[in-house]
């Protein structure tokens, strides 16, 4: 996600949070049907924020996954060496933990 896209998302979420807060304040000052309507508007704003965040998270995770796959395909030997190193390190850590018991 580019910085400008992140800034836009951040501003959108802040706007929705402000909307929710305003609706909740309105609900606290009202009773009956008006309060229910304000709460309903708050719920809708939260739903929009959630949908937006989930959508952005999907895009970001998909892009990150694709980038990882591309890097692994471009550098298979380096990837294998890194994985082997990580496995060896984990093996050393497990052996030390078992030795301490």
C-alpha atoms as a PDB file:
ATOM      1  CA  UNK A   1       0.000   0.000   0.000  1.00  0.00           C
ATOM      2  CA  UNK A   2       1.448   3.370  -0.946  1.00  0.00           C
ATOM      3  CA  UNK A   3       1.793   6.102   1.650  1.00  0.00           C
ATOM      4  CA  UNK A   4      -0.903   8.219  -0.030  1.00  0.00           C
ATOM      5  CA  UNK A   5      -3.309   5.251  -0.033  1.00  0.00           C
ATOM      6  CA  UNK A   6      -2.526   4.613   3.639  1.00  0.00           C
ATOM      7  CA  UNK A   7      -3.084   8.292   4.427  1.00  0.00           C
ATOM      8  CA  UNK A   8      -6.419   8.243   2.570  1.00  0.00           C
ATOM      9  CA  UNK A   9      -7.507   5.085   4.406  1.00  0.00           C
ATOM     10  CA  UNK A  10      -6.463   6.608   7.725  1.00  0.00           C
ATOM     11  CA  UNK A  11      -8.452   9.774   7.001  1.00  0.00           C
ATOM     12  CA  UNK A  12     -11.519   7.777   5.914  1.00  0.00           C
ATOM     13  CA  UNK A  13     -11.429   5.701   9.083  1.00  0.00           C
ATOM     14  CA  UNK A  14     -10.979   8.818  11.230  1.00  0.00           C
ATOM     15  CA  UNK A  15     -13.981  10.411   9.509  1.00  0.00           C
ATOM     16  CA  UNK A  16     -16.094   7.320  10.144  1.00  0.00           C
ATOM     17  CA  UNK A  17     -15.014   7.182  13.786  1.00  0.00           C
ATOM     18  CA  UNK A  18     -15.975  10.846  14.168  1.00  0.00           C
ATOM     19  CA  UNK A  19     -19.346  10.089  12.584  1.00  0.00           C
ATOM     20  CA  UNK A  20     -19.888   7.189  14.979  1.00  0.00           C
ATOM     21  CA  UNK A  21     -18.935   9.327  17.971  1.00  0.00           C
ATOM     22  CA  UNK A  22     -21.309  12.111  16.868  1.00  0.00           C
ATOM     23  CA  UNK A  23     -24.157   9.638  16.421  1.00  0.00           C
ATOM     24  CA  UNK A  24     -23.503   8.083  19.823  1.00  0.00           C
ATOM     25  CA  UNK A  25     -23.470  11.526  21.451  1.00  0.00           C
ATOM     26  CA  UNK A  26     -26.759  12.285  19.731  1.00  0.00           C
ATOM     27  CA  UNK A  27     -28.198   8.992  20.946  1.00  0.00           C
ATOM     28  CA  UNK A  28     -27.160   9.778  24.509  1.00  0.00           C
ATOM     29  CA  UNK A  29     -29.041  13.082  24.361  1.00  0.00           C
ATOM     30  CA  UNK A  30     -32.206  11.645  22.850  1.00  0.00           C
ATOM     31  CA  UNK A  31     -34.744   9.064  23.852  1.00  0.00           C
ATOM     32  CA  UNK A  32     -36.949   6.547  22.144  1.00  0.00           C
ATOM     33  CA  UNK A  33     -37.074   6.423  18.366  1.00  0.00           C
ATOM     34  CA  UNK A  34     -34.539   9.237  17.851  1.00  0.00           C
ATOM     35  CA  UNK A  35     -31.986   7.429  20.018  1.00  0.00           C
ATOM     36  CA  UNK A  36     -32.549   4.184  18.105  1.00  0.00           C
ATOM     37  CA  UNK A  37     -32.034   5.994  14.802  1.00  0.00           C
ATOM     38  CA  UNK A  38     -28.783   7.559  16.034  1.00  0.00           C
ATOM     39  CA  UNK A  39     -27.558   4.170  17.226  1.00  0.00           C
ATOM     40  CA  UNK A  40     -28.524   2.660  13.891  1.00  0.00           C
ATOM     41  CA  UNK A  41     -26.517   5.333  12.041  1.00  0.00           C
ATOM     42  CA  UNK A  42     -23.544   4.586  14.309  1.00  0.00           C
ATOM     43  CA  UNK A  43     -23.836   0.897  13.545  1.00  0.00           C
ATOM     44  CA  UNK A  44     -23.931   1.580   9.809  1.00  0.00           C
ATOM     45  CA  UNK A  45     -20.845   3.804  10.025  1.00  0.00           C
ATOM     46  CA  UNK A  46     -18.978   1.099  11.927  1.00  0.00           C
ATOM     47  CA  UNK A  47     -20.003  -1.442   9.298  1.00  0.00           C
ATOM     48  CA  UNK A  48     -18.684   0.804   6.522  1.00  0.00           C
ATOM     49  CA  UNK A  49     -15.396   1.265   8.382  1.00  0.00           C
ATOM     50  CA  UNK A  50     -15.075  -2.480   8.908  1.00  0.00           C
ATOM     51  CA  UNK A  51     -15.804  -3.236   5.250  1.00  0.00           C
ATOM     52  CA  UNK A  52     -13.245  -0.663   4.139  1.00  0.00           C
ATOM     53  CA  UNK A  53     -10.557  -2.003   6.475  1.00  0.00           C
ATOM     54  CA  UNK A  54     -11.235  -5.615   5.471  1.00  0.00           C
ATOM     55  CA  UNK A  55     -11.058  -4.672   1.795  1.00  0.00           C
ATOM     56  CA  UNK A  56      -7.753  -2.882   2.259  1.00  0.00           C
ATOM     57  CA  UNK A  57      -6.370  -5.746   4.345  1.00  0.00           C
ATOM     58  CA  UNK A  58      -7.279  -8.205   1.589  1.00  0.00           C
ATOM     59  CA  UNK A  59      -5.601  -6.077  -1.059  1.00  0.00           C
ATOM     60  CA  UNK A  60      -2.475  -5.627   1.050  1.00  0.00           C
ATOM     61  CA  UNK A  61      -2.187  -9.290   2.026  1.00  0.00           C
ATOM     62  CA  UNK A  62      -2.762 -10.422  -1.552  1.00  0.00           C
ATOM     63  CA  UNK A  63      -0.087  -8.040  -2.819  1.00  0.00           C
ATOM     64  CA  UNK A  64       2.339  -9.119  -0.081  1.00  0.00           C
ATOM     65  CA  UNK A  65       1.690 -12.803  -0.816  1.00  0.00           C
ATOM     66  CA  UNK A  66       2.289 -12.262  -4.507  1.00  0.00           C
ATOM     67  CA  UNK A  67       5.514 -10.422  -3.762  1.00  0.00           C
ATOM     68  CA  UNK A  68       6.741 -13.280  -1.543  1.00  0.00           C
ATOM     69  CA  UNK A  69       5.939 -15.851  -4.237  1.00  0.00           C
ATOM     70  CA  UNK A  70       7.723 -13.746  -6.859  1.00  0.00           C
ATOM     71  CA  UNK A  71      10.808 -13.411  -4.652  1.00  0.00           C
ATOM     72  CA  UNK A  72      10.889 -17.143  -3.884  1.00  0.00           C
ATOM     73  CA  UNK A  73      10.618 -17.963  -7.584  1.00  0.00           C
ATOM     74  CA  UNK A  74      13.302 -15.424  -8.470  1.00  0.00           C
ATOM     75  CA  UNK A  75      15.733 -16.640  -5.781  1.00  0.00           C
ATOM     76  CA  UNK A  76      15.070 -20.329  -5.010  1.00  0.00           C
ATOM     77  CA  UNK A  77      18.584 -21.110  -3.748  1.00  0.00           C
ATOM     78  CA  UNK A  78      18.638 -18.144  -1.396  1.00  0.00           C
ATOM     79  CA  UNK A  79      15.185 -19.057  -0.134  1.00  0.00           C
ATOM     80  CA  UNK A  80      16.239 -22.641   0.512  1.00  0.00           C
ATOM     81  CA  UNK A  81      19.320 -21.431   2.393  1.00  0.00           C
ATOM     82  CA  UNK A  82      17.236 -19.083   4.532  1.00  0.00           C
ATOM     83  CA  UNK A  83      14.720 -21.813   5.343  1.00  0.00           C
ATOM     84  CA  UNK A  84      17.507 -24.270   6.196  1.00  0.00           C
ATOM     85  CA  UNK A  85      19.123 -21.650   8.450  1.00  0.00           C
ATOM     86  CA  UNK A  86      15.835 -20.983  10.213  1.00  0.00           C
ATOM     87  CA  UNK A  87      15.238 -24.696  10.752  1.00  0.00           C
ATOM     88  CA  UNK A  88      18.777 -25.135  12.108  1.00  0.00           C
ATOM     89  CA  UNK A  89      18.308 -22.196  14.472  1.00  0.00           C
ATOM     90  CA  UNK A  90      15.018 -23.627  15.713  1.00  0.00           C
ATOM     91  CA  UNK A  91      16.711 -26.986  16.200  1.00  0.00           C
ATOM     92  CA  UNK A  92      19.443 -25.387  18.327  1.00  0.00           C
ATOM     93  CA  UNK A  93      16.853 -23.528  20.409  1.00  0.00           C
ATOM     94  CA  UNK A  94      14.776 -26.676  20.975  1.00  0.00           C
ATOM     95  CA  UNK A  95      17.902 -28.631  21.918  1.00  0.00           C
ATOM     96  CA  UNK A  96      18.866 -25.953  24.465  1.00  0.00           C
ATOM     97  CA  UNK A  97      15.377 -25.866  25.932  1.00  0.00           C
ATOM     98  CA  UNK A  98      15.364 -29.648  26.258  1.00  0.00           C
ATOM     99  CA  UNK A  99      18.838 -29.588  27.852  1.00  0.00           C
ATOM    100  CA  UNK A 100      17.641 -27.094  30.497  1.00  0.00           C
ATOM    101  CA  UNK A 101      14.834 -29.399  31.646  1.00  0.00           C
END
